[in-house]
C-alpha atoms as a PDB file:
ATOM      1  CA  MET A   1      40.530   7.276  -5.627  1.00  0.00           C
ATOM      2  CA  SER A   2      38.355   9.863  -3.884  1.00  0.00           C
ATOM      3  CA  ARG A   3      34.870  10.571  -5.168  1.00  0.00           C
ATOM      4  CA  PRO A   4      33.763  14.078  -6.136  1.00  0.00           C
ATOM      5  CA  GLU A   5      31.386  15.836  -3.776  1.00  0.00           C
ATOM      6  CA  ASN A   6      27.691  15.521  -4.575  1.00  0.00           C
ATOM      7  CA  PRO A   7      26.485  18.931  -5.846  1.00  0.00           C
ATOM      8  CA  GLY A   8      23.461  18.771  -3.525  1.00  0.00           C
ATOM      9  CA  GLU A   9      21.463  22.026  -3.426  1.00  0.00           C
ATOM     10  CA  ASN A  10      23.765  23.540  -6.042  1.00  0.00           C
ATOM     11  CA  ALA A  11      22.664  21.091  -8.729  1.00  0.00           C
ATOM     12  CA  GLN A  12      20.587  22.751 -11.430  1.00  0.00           C
ATOM     13  CA  ARG A  13      19.829  19.812 -13.721  1.00  0.00           C
ATOM     14  CA  VAL A  14      19.504  16.189 -12.592  1.00  0.00           C
ATOM     15  CA  LEU A  15      18.599  13.052 -14.542  1.00  0.00           C
ATOM     16  CA  VAL A  16      17.068   9.942 -12.978  1.00  0.00           C
ATOM     17  CA  ILE A  17      16.897   6.749 -15.068  1.00  0.00           C
ATOM     18  CA  LYS A  18      14.364   4.037 -14.232  1.00  0.00           C
ATOM     19  CA  LEU A  19      12.912   2.123 -17.156  1.00  0.00           C
ATOM     20  CA  SER A  20      10.942  -0.806 -15.677  1.00  0.00           C
ATOM     21  CA  ALA A  21       9.412  -3.079 -14.434  1.00  0.00           C
ATOM     22  CA  LEU A  22       6.351  -2.149 -12.354  1.00  0.00           C
ATOM     23  CA  GLY A  23       7.536  -3.727  -9.104  1.00  0.00           C
ATOM     24  CA  ASP A  24      11.071  -2.408  -9.545  1.00  0.00           C
ATOM     25  CA  PHE A  25       9.771   1.045 -10.451  1.00  0.00           C
ATOM     26  CA  VAL A  26       7.597   1.203  -7.336  1.00  0.00           C
ATOM     27  CA  LEU A  27      10.459  -0.011  -5.140  1.00  0.00           C
ATOM     28  CA  ALA A  28      12.636   2.777  -6.575  1.00  0.00           C
ATOM     29  CA  LEU A  29      10.172   5.540  -5.678  1.00  0.00           C
ATOM     30  CA  GLY A  30      11.725   5.918  -2.226  1.00  0.00           C
ATOM     31  CA  ALA A  31      15.148   6.479  -3.795  1.00  0.00           C
ATOM     32  CA  MET A  32      13.606   9.023  -6.178  1.00  0.00           C
ATOM     33  CA  GLN A  33      12.074  10.880  -3.243  1.00  0.00           C
ATOM     34  CA  ALA A  34      15.499  10.909  -1.540  1.00  0.00           C
ATOM     35  CA  ILE A  35      17.091  12.334  -4.690  1.00  0.00           C
ATOM     36  CA  ARG A  36      14.525  15.142  -4.729  1.00  0.00           C
ATOM     37  CA  ALA A  37      15.273  15.885  -1.059  1.00  0.00           C
ATOM     38  CA  LYS A  38      19.005  16.128  -1.873  1.00  0.00           C
ATOM     39  CA  HIS A  39      18.407  18.456  -4.837  1.00  0.00           C
ATOM     40  CA  PRO A  40      15.443  20.634  -3.797  1.00  0.00           C
ATOM     41  CA  LYS A  41      16.229  23.427  -6.281  1.00  0.00           C
ATOM     42  CA  ALA A  42      17.096  21.289  -9.308  1.00  0.00           C
ATOM     43  CA  ALA A  43      15.077  20.637 -12.425  1.00  0.00           C
ATOM     44  CA  ILE A  44      14.891  16.848 -12.310  1.00  0.00           C
ATOM     45  CA  THR A  45      14.154  14.817 -15.434  1.00  0.00           C
ATOM     46  CA  LEU A  46      13.042  11.183 -15.349  1.00  0.00           C
ATOM     47  CA  LEU A  47      14.024   8.913 -18.219  1.00  0.00           C
ATOM     48  CA  THR A  48      11.614   5.977 -18.236  1.00  0.00           C
ATOM     49  CA  THR A  49       9.211   4.067 -20.513  1.00  0.00           C
ATOM     50  CA  PRO A  50       5.545   4.800 -21.301  1.00  0.00           C
ATOM     51  CA  PRO A  51       3.810   2.530 -18.716  1.00  0.00           C
ATOM     52  CA  TYR A  52       5.234   4.520 -15.795  1.00  0.00           C
ATOM     53  CA  ALA A  53       4.807   8.093 -16.998  1.00  0.00           C
ATOM     54  CA  GLU A  54       1.443   8.736 -15.341  1.00  0.00           C
ATOM     55  CA  LEU A  55       2.557   7.319 -12.003  1.00  0.00           C
ATOM     56  CA  ALA A  56       5.791   9.319 -12.170  1.00  0.00           C
ATOM     57  CA  LYS A  57       3.905  12.523 -12.974  1.00  0.00           C
ATOM     58  CA  ALA A  58       1.704  12.056  -9.911  1.00  0.00           C
ATOM     59  CA  THR A  59       4.734  12.008  -7.616  1.00  0.00           C
ATOM     60  CA  SER A  60       5.466  15.700  -8.418  1.00  0.00           C
ATOM     61  CA  LEU A  61       9.171  14.860  -8.164  1.00  0.00           C
ATOM     62  CA  PHE A  62      10.036  15.677 -11.773  1.00  0.00           C
ATOM     63  CA  GLN A  63       9.942  18.743 -13.975  1.00  0.00           C
ATOM     64  CA  ALA A  64      10.147  16.581 -17.099  1.00  0.00           C
ATOM     65  CA  ILE A  65       9.372  12.944 -17.897  1.00  0.00           C
ATOM     66  CA  GLU A  66      10.865  11.381 -21.015  1.00  0.00           C
ATOM     67  CA  THR A  67       9.570   7.978 -22.074  1.00  0.00           C
ATOM     68  CA  ASP A  68      12.047   6.916 -24.765  1.00  0.00           C
ATOM     69  CA  GLY A  69      14.439   5.220 -22.344  1.00  0.00           C
ATOM     70  CA  ARG A  70      14.490   2.104 -24.519  1.00  0.00           C
ATOM     71  CA  PRO A  71      14.929   3.510 -28.029  1.00  0.00           C
ATOM     72  CA  GLU A  72      14.608   1.145 -30.971  1.00  0.00           C
ATOM     73  CA  GLY A  73      17.465   1.287 -33.435  1.00  0.00           C
ATOM     74  CA  MET A  74      20.760   3.116 -33.629  1.00  0.00           C
ATOM     75  CA  LYS A  75      19.283   6.392 -34.882  1.00  0.00           C
ATOM     76  CA  ALA A  76      16.891   6.720 -31.933  1.00  0.00           C
ATOM     77  CA  THR A  77      19.660   5.740 -29.517  1.00  0.00           C
ATOM     78  CA  ARG A  78      21.989   8.385 -30.943  1.00  0.00           C
ATOM     79  CA  GLU A  79      19.242  10.991 -30.615  1.00  0.00           C
ATOM     80  CA  LEU A  80      18.664  10.030 -26.973  1.00  0.00           C
ATOM     81  CA  LEU A  81      22.360  10.238 -26.145  1.00  0.00           C
ATOM     82  CA  LYS A  82      22.646  13.567 -27.962  1.00  0.00           C
ATOM     83  CA  ARG A  83      19.767  14.942 -25.906  1.00  0.00           C
ATOM     84  CA  ILE A  84      21.336  13.754 -22.635  1.00  0.00           C
ATOM     85  CA  ARG A  85      24.684  15.222 -23.634  1.00  0.00           C
ATOM     86  CA  GLU A  86      23.204  18.586 -24.601  1.00  0.00           C
ATOM     87  CA  ALA A  87      21.172  18.818 -21.395  1.00  0.00           C
ATOM     88  CA  LYS A  88      24.448  19.115 -19.444  1.00  0.00           C
ATOM     89  CA  TYR A  89      23.125  17.391 -16.343  1.00  0.00           C
ATOM     90  CA  ASP A  90      25.054  18.041 -13.159  1.00  0.00           C
ATOM     91  CA  ILE A  91      24.464  14.469 -12.040  1.00  0.00           C
ATOM     92  CA  VAL A  92      22.753  11.323 -13.368  1.00  0.00           C
ATOM     93  CA  TYR A  93      21.279   8.664 -11.104  1.00  0.00           C
ATOM     94  CA  ASP A  94      21.019   5.374 -12.969  1.00  0.00           C
ATOM     95  CA  LEU A  95      18.492   3.431 -10.890  1.00  0.00           C
ATOM     96  CA  GLN A  96      17.994   0.845 -13.640  1.00  0.00           C
ATOM     97  CA  THR A  97      21.650  -0.281 -13.592  1.00  0.00           C
ATOM     98  CA  SER A  98      21.241  -2.562 -16.593  1.00  0.00           C
ATOM     99  CA  GLY A  99      23.610  -3.349 -19.415  1.00  0.00           C
ATOM    100  CA  ARG A 100      21.676  -0.861 -21.547  1.00  0.00           C
ATOM    101  CA  THR A 101      22.134   2.034 -19.125  1.00  0.00           C
ATOM    102  CA  ALA A 102      25.783   1.158 -18.538  1.00  0.00           C
ATOM    103  CA  ASN A 103      26.218   1.483 -22.302  1.00  0.00           C
ATOM    104  CA  TYR A 104      24.593   4.921 -22.128  1.00  0.00           C
ATOM    105  CA  PHE A 105      27.312   5.947 -19.673  1.00  0.00           C
ATOM    106  CA  LYS A 106      30.064   4.509 -21.874  1.00  0.00           C
ATOM    107  CA  ALA A 107      28.736   6.394 -24.887  1.00  0.00           C
ATOM    108  CA  LEU A 108      28.688   9.642 -22.890  1.00  0.00           C
ATOM    109  CA  ASN A 109      32.218   8.950 -21.618  1.00  0.00           C
ATOM    110  CA  LEU A 110      33.957   8.891 -24.991  1.00  0.00           C
ATOM    111  CA  PRO A 111      37.446  10.454 -25.291  1.00  0.00           C
ATOM    112  CA  PHE A 112      37.492  14.259 -25.313  1.00  0.00           C
ATOM    113  CA  ARG A 113      34.022  14.405 -23.793  1.00  0.00           C
ATOM    114  CA  LYS A 114      33.251  15.317 -20.213  1.00  0.00           C
ATOM    115  CA  PRO A 115      30.508  12.985 -18.893  1.00  0.00           C
ATOM    116  CA  PRO A 116      28.153  14.079 -16.132  1.00  0.00           C
ATOM    117  CA  LEU A 117      28.657  12.826 -12.609  1.00  0.00           C
ATOM    118  CA  TRP A 118      27.098   9.359 -12.758  1.00  0.00           C
ATOM    119  CA  SER A 119      25.687   7.157 -10.002  1.00  0.00           C
ATOM    120  CA  GLY A 120      25.337   3.514 -10.972  1.00  0.00           C
ATOM    121  CA  HIS A 121      27.186   0.299 -11.644  1.00  0.00           C
ATOM    122  CA  ALA A 122      29.043   1.448 -14.772  1.00  0.00           C
ATOM    123  CA  GLN A 123      32.797   1.001 -14.458  1.00  0.00           C
ATOM    124  CA  GLY A 124      34.489   4.392 -14.400  1.00  0.00           C
ATOM    125  CA  SER A 125      31.495   6.360 -13.164  1.00  0.00           C
ATOM    126  CA  ALA A 126      32.050   9.004 -10.503  1.00  0.00           C
ATOM    127  CA  TYR A 127      29.874   7.187  -7.986  1.00  0.00           C
ATOM    128  CA  PHE A 128      30.534   3.578  -8.925  1.00  0.00           C
ATOM    129  CA  HIS A 129      28.502   1.171  -6.796  1.00  0.00           C
ATOM    130  CA  ASP A 130      31.106  -1.552  -6.705  1.00  0.00           C
ATOM    131  CA  ASN A 131      29.646  -3.867  -4.040  1.00  0.00           C
ATOM    132  CA  PRO A 132      30.219  -7.350  -5.520  1.00  0.00           C
ATOM    133  CA  SER A 133      27.102  -8.572  -3.693  1.00  0.00           C
ATOM    134  CA  ARG A 134      24.801  -5.907  -5.087  1.00  0.00           C
ATOM    135  CA  GLY A 135      22.990  -8.492  -7.188  1.00  0.00           C
ATOM    136  CA  GLU A 136      22.006 -10.417  -4.056  1.00  0.00           C
ATOM    137  CA  MET A 137      20.625  -7.364  -2.242  1.00  0.00           C
ATOM    138  CA  HIS A 138      16.989  -6.382  -1.921  1.00  0.00           C
ATOM    139  CA  SER A 139      16.195  -3.601  -4.405  1.00  0.00           C
ATOM    140  CA  ILE A 140      15.477  -1.072  -1.656  1.00  0.00           C
ATOM    141  CA  ASP A 141      18.734  -1.854   0.156  1.00  0.00           C
ATOM    142  CA  ARG A 142      20.761  -1.859  -3.057  1.00  0.00           C
ATOM    143  CA  LEU A 143      19.426   1.524  -4.132  1.00  0.00           C
ATOM    144  CA  ALA A 144      20.021   2.956  -0.659  1.00  0.00           C
ATOM    145  CA  GLU A 145      23.645   1.830  -0.748  1.00  0.00           C
ATOM    146  CA  GLN A 146      24.043   3.199  -4.262  1.00  0.00           C
ATOM    147  CA  LEU A 147      22.729   6.575  -3.076  1.00  0.00           C
ATOM    148  CA  GLN A 148      25.112   6.588  -0.127  1.00  0.00           C
ATOM    149  CA  VAL A 149      28.034   6.039  -2.506  1.00  0.00           C
ATOM    150  CA  ALA A 150      26.762   9.127  -4.345  1.00  0.00           C
ATOM    151  CA  GLY A 151      26.566  11.195  -1.165  1.00  0.00           C
ATOM    152  CA  ILE A 152      22.895  10.823  -0.242  1.00  0.00           C
ATOM    153  CA  GLY A 153      22.253   9.382   3.203  1.00  0.00           C
ATOM    154  CA  PRO A 154      19.873   9.250   6.170  1.00  0.00           C
ATOM    155  CA  GLU A 155      20.646  12.865   7.046  1.00  0.00           C
ATOM    156  CA  ASP A 156      19.131  14.010   3.740  1.00  0.00           C
ATOM    157  CA  ILE A 157      15.630  12.627   4.218  1.00  0.00           C
ATOM    158  CA  GLU A 158      12.828  12.683   6.733  1.00  0.00           C
ATOM    159  CA  GLY A 159      11.921   9.232   7.961  1.00  0.00           C
ATOM    160  CA  PRO A 160      13.739   5.925   8.184  1.00  0.00           C
ATOM    161  CA  TRP A 161      16.594   4.649   6.065  1.00  0.00           C
ATOM    162  CA  PRO A 162      16.617   2.898   3.627  1.00  0.00           C
ATOM    163  CA  PRO A 163      14.083   5.163   1.916  1.00  0.00           C
ATOM    164  CA  MET A 164      10.789   3.518   1.033  1.00  0.00           C
ATOM    165  CA  ALA A 165       8.100   5.138  -1.063  1.00  0.00           C
ATOM    166  CA  ASP A 166       5.542   7.353   0.613  1.00  0.00           C
ATOM    167  CA  MET A 167       2.490   6.448  -1.460  1.00  0.00           C
ATOM    168  CA  SER A 168       0.361   9.291  -0.077  1.00  0.00           C
ATOM    169  CA  PHE A 169       1.353  11.244  -3.201  1.00  0.00           C
ATOM    170  CA  VAL A 170      -1.528   9.526  -5.013  1.00  0.00           C
ATOM    171  CA  ARG A 171      -4.254  11.241  -3.004  1.00  0.00           C
ATOM    172  CA  ARG A 172      -2.292  14.508  -2.877  1.00  0.00           C
ATOM    173  CA  SER A 173      -2.036  14.598  -6.652  1.00  0.00           C
ATOM    174  CA  GLN A 174      -5.348  13.025  -7.625  1.00  0.00           C
ATOM    175  CA  GLY A 175      -7.680  14.211  -4.869  1.00  0.00           C
ATOM    176  CA  ASP A 176     -10.318  12.151  -3.082  1.00  0.00           C
ATOM    177  CA  LYS A 177     -12.147  10.859  -6.115  1.00  0.00           C
ATOM    178  CA  PRO A 178     -15.254   8.666  -5.782  1.00  0.00           C
ATOM    179  CA  SER A 179     -13.460   6.161  -8.029  1.00  0.00           C
ATOM    180  CA  PHE A 180     -10.912   5.657  -5.234  1.00  0.00           C
ATOM    181  CA  THR A 181     -13.524   4.163  -2.916  1.00  0.00           C
ATOM    182  CA  PRO A 182     -14.474   0.471  -2.647  1.00  0.00           C
ATOM    183  CA  GLN A 183     -18.107   1.487  -3.130  1.00  0.00           C
ATOM    184  CA  PHE A 184     -17.263   2.656  -6.650  1.00  0.00           C
ATOM    185  CA  PHE A 185     -16.732  -1.029  -7.438  1.00  0.00           C
ATOM    186  CA  SER A 186     -19.833  -2.094  -5.471  1.00  0.00           C
ATOM    187  CA  ILE A 187     -17.684  -3.438  -2.638  1.00  0.00           C
ATOM    188  CA  ASN A 188     -19.383  -3.031   0.712  1.00  0.00           C
ATOM    189  CA  GLY A 189     -17.905  -4.262   3.954  1.00  0.00           C
ATOM    190  CA  PRO A 190     -14.473  -5.786   4.553  1.00  0.00           C
ATOM    191  CA  TYR A 191     -12.501  -7.100   1.603  1.00  0.00           C
ATOM    192  CA  GLY A 192      -9.171  -8.672   0.756  1.00  0.00           C
ATOM    193  CA  LEU A 193      -7.220  -8.371  -2.471  1.00  0.00           C
ATOM    194  CA  ILE A 194      -6.250 -11.410  -4.531  1.00  0.00           C
ATOM    195  CA  ILE A 195      -3.397 -10.805  -6.977  1.00  0.00           C
ATOM    196  CA  PRO A 196      -3.011 -13.981  -9.090  1.00  0.00           C
ATOM    197  CA  GLY A 197      -0.790 -12.602 -11.837  1.00  0.00           C
ATOM    198  CA  ALA A 198       2.956 -12.507 -12.393  1.00  0.00           C
ATOM    199  CA  SER A 199       5.357 -11.719 -15.217  1.00  0.00           C
ATOM    200  CA  ALA A 200       4.028 -13.079 -18.483  1.00  0.00           C
ATOM    201  CA  HIS A 201       7.301 -14.908 -19.132  1.00  0.00           C
ATOM    202  CA  ARG A 202       7.516 -16.329 -15.597  1.00  0.00           C
ATOM    203  CA  GLU A 203       4.570 -18.740 -15.367  1.00  0.00           C
ATOM    204  CA  ALA A 204       6.308 -20.708 -12.606  1.00  0.00           C
ATOM    205  CA  LYS A 205       5.855 -17.704 -10.300  1.00  0.00           C
ATOM    206  CA  ARG A 206       2.067 -18.163 -10.395  1.00  0.00           C
ATOM    207  CA  TRP A 207       0.218 -20.134  -7.723  1.00  0.00           C
ATOM    208  CA  PRO A 208      -2.231 -22.556  -9.419  1.00  0.00           C
ATOM    209  CA  VAL A 209      -5.603 -21.003 -10.181  1.00  0.00           C
ATOM    210  CA  ASP A 210      -7.558 -23.746  -8.409  1.00  0.00           C
ATOM    211  CA  CYS A 211      -5.633 -22.898  -5.231  1.00  0.00           C
ATOM    212  CA  TYR A 212      -6.702 -19.286  -5.538  1.00  0.00           C
ATOM    213  CA  GLY A 213     -10.275 -20.446  -6.045  1.00  0.00           C
ATOM    214  CA  GLU A 214     -10.198 -22.538  -2.879  1.00  0.00           C
ATOM    215  CA  LEU A 215      -8.553 -19.687  -0.957  1.00  0.00           C
ATOM    216  CA  ALA A 216     -11.277 -17.305  -2.177  1.00  0.00           C
ATOM    217  CA  ARG A 217     -13.870 -19.662  -0.719  1.00  0.00           C
ATOM    218  CA  HIS A 218     -12.162 -19.571   2.689  1.00  0.00           C
ATOM    219  CA  ILE A 219     -12.021 -15.773   2.546  1.00  0.00           C
ATOM    220  CA  ALA A 220     -15.692 -15.444   1.604  1.00  0.00           C
ATOM    221  CA  ASP A 221     -16.739 -17.932   4.301  1.00  0.00           C
ATOM    222  CA  ALA A 222     -14.983 -15.673   6.834  1.00  0.00           C
ATOM    223  CA  GLY A 223     -17.273 -12.797   5.861  1.00  0.00           C
ATOM    224  CA  VAL A 224     -14.690 -10.984   3.736  1.00  0.00           C
ATOM    225  CA  THR A 225     -15.164 -10.211   0.033  1.00  0.00           C
ATOM    226  CA  PRO A 226     -12.340 -11.593  -2.139  1.00  0.00           C
ATOM    227  CA  VAL A 227     -11.464  -8.929  -4.738  1.00  0.00           C
ATOM    228  CA  ILE A 228      -9.321  -9.941  -7.732  1.00  0.00           C
ATOM    229  CA  ILE A 229      -7.151  -7.311  -9.399  1.00  0.00           C
ATOM    230  CA  GLY A 230      -4.891  -7.651 -12.404  1.00  0.00           C
ATOM    231  CA  SER A 231      -4.328  -6.852 -16.048  1.00  0.00           C
ATOM    232  CA  LYS A 232      -5.824  -8.351 -19.192  1.00  0.00           C
ATOM    233  CA  ALA A 233      -3.323 -11.202 -18.929  1.00  0.00           C
ATOM    234  CA  GLU A 234      -5.130 -12.376 -15.771  1.00  0.00           C
ATOM    235  CA  SER A 235      -8.627 -12.359 -17.307  1.00  0.00           C
ATOM    236  CA  SER A 236      -8.847 -16.119 -17.729  1.00  0.00           C
ATOM    237  CA  LEU A 237      -7.461 -16.714 -14.222  1.00  0.00           C
ATOM    238  CA  ALA A 238     -10.047 -14.377 -12.729  1.00  0.00           C
ATOM    239  CA  ALA A 239     -12.865 -16.026 -14.669  1.00  0.00           C
ATOM    240  CA  GLU A 240     -11.844 -19.444 -13.350  1.00  0.00           C
ATOM    241  CA  ILE A 241     -11.617 -18.207  -9.757  1.00  0.00           C
ATOM    242  CA  LEU A 242     -15.042 -16.588 -10.116  1.00  0.00           C
ATOM    243  CA  ARG A 243     -16.457 -19.852 -11.460  1.00  0.00           C
ATOM    244  CA  MET A 244     -15.143 -21.682  -8.402  1.00  0.00           C
ATOM    245  CA  GLU A 245     -16.281 -18.991  -5.940  1.00  0.00           C
ATOM    246  CA  PRO A 246     -19.154 -16.736  -7.148  1.00  0.00           C
ATOM    247  CA  ARG A 247     -18.807 -14.394  -4.145  1.00  0.00           C
ATOM    248  CA  VAL A 248     -15.574 -13.058  -5.648  1.00  0.00           C
ATOM    249  CA  ARG A 249     -15.544  -9.496  -6.976  1.00  0.00           C
ATOM    250  CA  ASN A 250     -13.643  -9.483 -10.271  1.00  0.00           C
ATOM    251  CA  LEU A 251     -11.910  -6.156 -10.989  1.00  0.00           C
ATOM    252  CA  VAL A 252      -9.360  -7.463 -13.482  1.00  0.00           C
ATOM    253  CA  THR A 253      -8.685  -4.773 -16.166  1.00  0.00           C
ATOM    254  CA  ARG A 254     -10.904  -2.309 -14.253  1.00  0.00           C
ATOM    255  CA  THR A 255      -8.361  -0.650 -11.974  1.00  0.00           C
ATOM    256  CA  SER A 256      -5.741   1.967 -12.704  1.00  0.00           C
ATOM    257  CA  LEU A 257      -2.434   1.953 -10.865  1.00  0.00           C
ATOM    258  CA  PHE A 258      -3.861   4.710  -8.668  1.00  0.00           C
ATOM    259  CA  GLN A 259      -6.939   2.639  -7.839  1.00  0.00           C
ATOM    260  CA  ILE A 260      -4.783  -0.363  -6.923  1.00  0.00           C
ATOM    261  CA  ILE A 261      -3.029   1.838  -4.375  1.00  0.00           C
ATOM    262  CA  THR A 262      -6.210   3.332  -2.936  1.00  0.00           C
ATOM    263  CA  LEU A 263      -7.962  -0.037  -2.785  1.00  0.00           C
ATOM    264  CA  ALA A 264      -4.946  -1.481  -0.996  1.00  0.00           C
ATOM    265  CA  GLU A 265      -5.056   1.350   1.551  1.00  0.00           C
ATOM    266  CA  GLN A 266      -8.496   0.195   2.656  1.00  0.00           C
ATOM    267  CA  ALA A 267      -8.208  -3.583   2.212  1.00  0.00           C
ATOM    268  CA  LEU A 268      -7.853  -5.909   5.185  1.00  0.00           C
ATOM    269  CA  PHE A 269      -5.059  -7.764   3.397  1.00  0.00           C
ATOM    270  CA  ALA A 270      -3.630  -8.784   0.052  1.00  0.00           C
ATOM    271  CA  VAL A 271      -2.547 -12.233  -1.140  1.00  0.00           C
ATOM    272  CA  GLY A 272      -0.528 -12.616  -4.292  1.00  0.00           C
ATOM    273  CA  ASN A 273       2.482 -13.794  -6.212  1.00  0.00           C
ATOM    274  CA  ASP A 274       5.810 -12.011  -6.555  1.00  0.00           C
ATOM    275  CA  THR A 275       4.499  -9.175  -8.713  1.00  0.00           C
ATOM    276  CA  GLY A 276       4.304  -5.384  -8.893  1.00  0.00           C
ATOM    277  CA  PRO A 277       0.852  -4.844  -7.337  1.00  0.00           C
ATOM    278  CA  MET A 278       1.939  -6.780  -4.229  1.00  0.00           C
ATOM    279  CA  HIS A 279       4.737  -4.246  -3.740  1.00  0.00           C
ATOM    280  CA  MET A 280       2.260  -1.419  -4.283  1.00  0.00           C
ATOM    281  CA  ALA A 281      -0.121  -2.901  -1.717  1.00  0.00           C
ATOM    282  CA  ALA A 282       2.555  -3.332   0.957  1.00  0.00           C
ATOM    283  CA  LEU A 283       3.938   0.168   0.454  1.00  0.00           C
ATOM    284  CA  SER A 284       0.372   1.489   0.735  1.00  0.00           C
ATOM    285  CA  GLY A 285       0.121  -0.015   4.213  1.00  0.00           C
ATOM    286  CA  CYS A 286      -1.820  -3.162   3.352  1.00  0.00           C
ATOM    287  CA  PRO A 287      -0.793  -6.308   5.297  1.00  0.00           C
ATOM    288  CA  GLY A 288      -0.158  -9.228   2.993  1.00  0.00           C
ATOM    289  CA  VAL A 289       0.830 -12.778   2.246  1.00  0.00           C
ATOM    290  CA  ALA A 290       3.341 -13.036  -0.591  1.00  0.00           C
ATOM    291  CA  LEU A 291       3.844 -16.335  -2.411  1.00  0.00           C
ATOM    292  CA  PHE A 292       7.334 -17.168  -3.633  1.00  0.00           C
ATOM    293  CA  ALA A 293       8.659 -19.970  -5.814  1.00  0.00           C
ATOM    294  CA  THR A 294      12.232 -20.065  -4.549  1.00  0.00           C
ATOM    295  CA  SER A 295      13.377 -21.735  -7.772  1.00  0.00           C
ATOM    296  CA  GLU A 296      12.375 -18.495  -9.512  1.00  0.00           C
ATOM    297  CA  SER A 297      13.056 -15.696  -7.042  1.00  0.00           C
ATOM    298  CA  ASP A 298      14.533 -15.126  -3.600  1.00  0.00           C
ATOM    299  CA  PRO A 299      12.282 -13.478  -0.988  1.00  0.00           C
ATOM    300  CA  ALA A 300      15.377 -11.923   0.605  1.00  0.00           C
ATOM    301  CA  ARG A 301      15.864  -9.952  -2.604  1.00  0.00           C
ATOM    302  CA  ALA A 302      12.279  -9.380  -3.690  1.00  0.00           C
ATOM    303  CA  ALA A 303       9.865  -9.554  -0.745  1.00  0.00           C
ATOM    304  CA  PRO A 304       7.326  -6.712  -0.479  1.00  0.00           C
ATOM    305  CA  ARG A 305       8.136  -4.147   2.190  1.00  0.00           C
ATOM    306  CA  GLY A 306       6.119  -1.527   3.971  1.00  0.00           C
ATOM    307  CA  ALA A 307       3.303  -3.186   5.874  1.00  0.00           C
ATOM    308  CA  GLN A 308       3.399  -6.529   7.672  1.00  0.00           C
ATOM    309  CA  VAL A 309       4.039  -9.244   5.083  1.00  0.00           C
ATOM    310  CA  ILE A 310       4.173 -12.988   5.671  1.00  0.00           C
ATOM    311  CA  ILE A 311       6.120 -15.003   3.115  1.00  0.00           C
ATOM    312  CA  CYS A 312       4.845 -18.415   2.003  1.00  0.00           C
ATOM    313  CA  GLN A 313       7.435 -20.177  -0.098  1.00  0.00           C
ATOM    314  CA  ALA A 314       8.176 -23.455  -1.801  1.00  0.00           C
ATOM    315  CA  ASP A 315      10.554 -24.577  -4.508  1.00  0.00           C
ATOM    316  CA  THR A 316       7.666 -24.347  -6.984  1.00  0.00           C
ATOM    317  CA  LEU A 317       4.305 -22.819  -6.170  1.00  0.00           C
ATOM    318  CA  ASP A 318       2.362 -25.966  -7.002  1.00  0.00           C
ATOM    319  CA  GLN A 319       3.949 -27.383  -3.838  1.00  0.00           C
ATOM    320  CA  LEU A 320       2.351 -24.671  -1.694  1.00  0.00           C
ATOM    321  CA  GLY A 321      -0.894 -25.790  -0.049  1.00  0.00           C
ATOM    322  CA  VAL A 322      -4.037 -23.706   0.370  1.00  0.00           C
ATOM    323  CA  ARG A 323      -4.156 -24.574   4.057  1.00  0.00           C
ATOM    324  CA  ASP A 324      -0.727 -22.995   4.617  1.00  0.00           C
ATOM    325  CA  VAL A 325      -1.637 -19.803   2.767  1.00  0.00           C
ATOM    326  CA  TRP A 326      -4.998 -19.489   4.529  1.00  0.00           C
ATOM    327  CA  GLN A 327      -3.294 -19.975   7.883  1.00  0.00           C
ATOM    328  CA  ALA A 328      -0.841 -17.188   6.975  1.00  0.00           C
ATOM    329  CA  VAL A 329      -3.742 -14.870   6.130  1.00  0.00           C
ATOM    330  CA  ARG A 330      -5.292 -15.574   9.514  1.00  0.00           C
ATOM    331  CA  MET A 331      -1.951 -14.988  11.227  1.00  0.00           C
ATOM    332  CA  LEU A 332      -2.042 -11.413   9.984  1.00  0.00           C
ATOM    333  CA  GLY A 333      -4.712 -10.853  12.630  1.00  0.00           C
ATOM    334  CA  VAL A 334      -6.888  -8.653  10.444  1.00  0.00           C
ATOM    335  CA  ILE A 335      -9.927 -10.912   9.921  1.00  0.00           C
ATOM    336  CA  PRO A 336     -12.442 -10.255  12.715  1.00  0.00           C
ATOM    337  CA  GLY A 337     -12.757 -13.271  14.992  1.00  0.00           C
ATOM    338  CA  ALA A 338     -10.133 -15.287  13.108  1.00  0.00           C
ATOM    339  CA  THR A 339      -7.270 -17.157  14.738  1.00  0.00           C
ATOM    340  CA  ALA A 340      -4.342 -18.824  13.032  1.00  0.00           C
ATOM    341  CA  ALA A 341      -5.469 -22.209  14.289  1.00  0.00           C
ATOM    342  CA  GLY A 342      -9.112 -21.688  13.461  1.00  0.00           C
END
């Protein structure tokens, strides 16, 4: 069965769906930028959830941002579907591709209703991404293939394919604020980011805190300030690392998503678990060392991309030694006078 032609520049109204999570949302920004390039004249709406609205607004890709992508209860769900139906979108790009969003398509595809052109994994959609191995693909590669099924390809964008986020939108949208400088946080001289957090429900993805403390000592001894970033959930981890190494700069709960990006732009490196800020750092051009528990996640599917990234992995992260991680940091070649063997 042949697919309909993508409306391209003729599209007037386009919907993009991306609900969560932080790392996945950031990895999808390149696909969103490609969608904008394909539909330069369209009014594009993003359907998401509240944590990502500010970041999405800063991209300047969307004319409208709706944050009720995960409605609670049947009434709210019906209202959402009614709004999507009445908007009469020319095409919908489902970048979440979850069971929830597939159900949205099914509800819009009821008998005697004409659904919009739909890009996603929902059976029966116009641009059905039917690769049986899609679940084993890296998010960036999977989204790129999904876009190609929908008629968006390398010829539609400037730069390499698959599309990866250009994070320079932060400074374009926010300006060169003093709060985007390391000095705002009393950081002077070279520094490296430590990102000890991970999903709250995935404790096994976290490298032990005492390992981070020992690594921070190595970093500080090399003349580089270790800077910890994270959310409130990492407060106790940061306090323990600071107790072990007082030269650490603790910025947990003090940085916005924009400040994480701008700090990463100027950091020598980042070290962290498989978590959203590591993806943000790599896409911002920061070299890094990403720590993976292979019993929890596959680096081939989830490794940060953008800058140079070295993967340190073990079945569980408590099996990963500080010496190996410190050697990987030195192998990045960004610490003055450091060698991998030193």
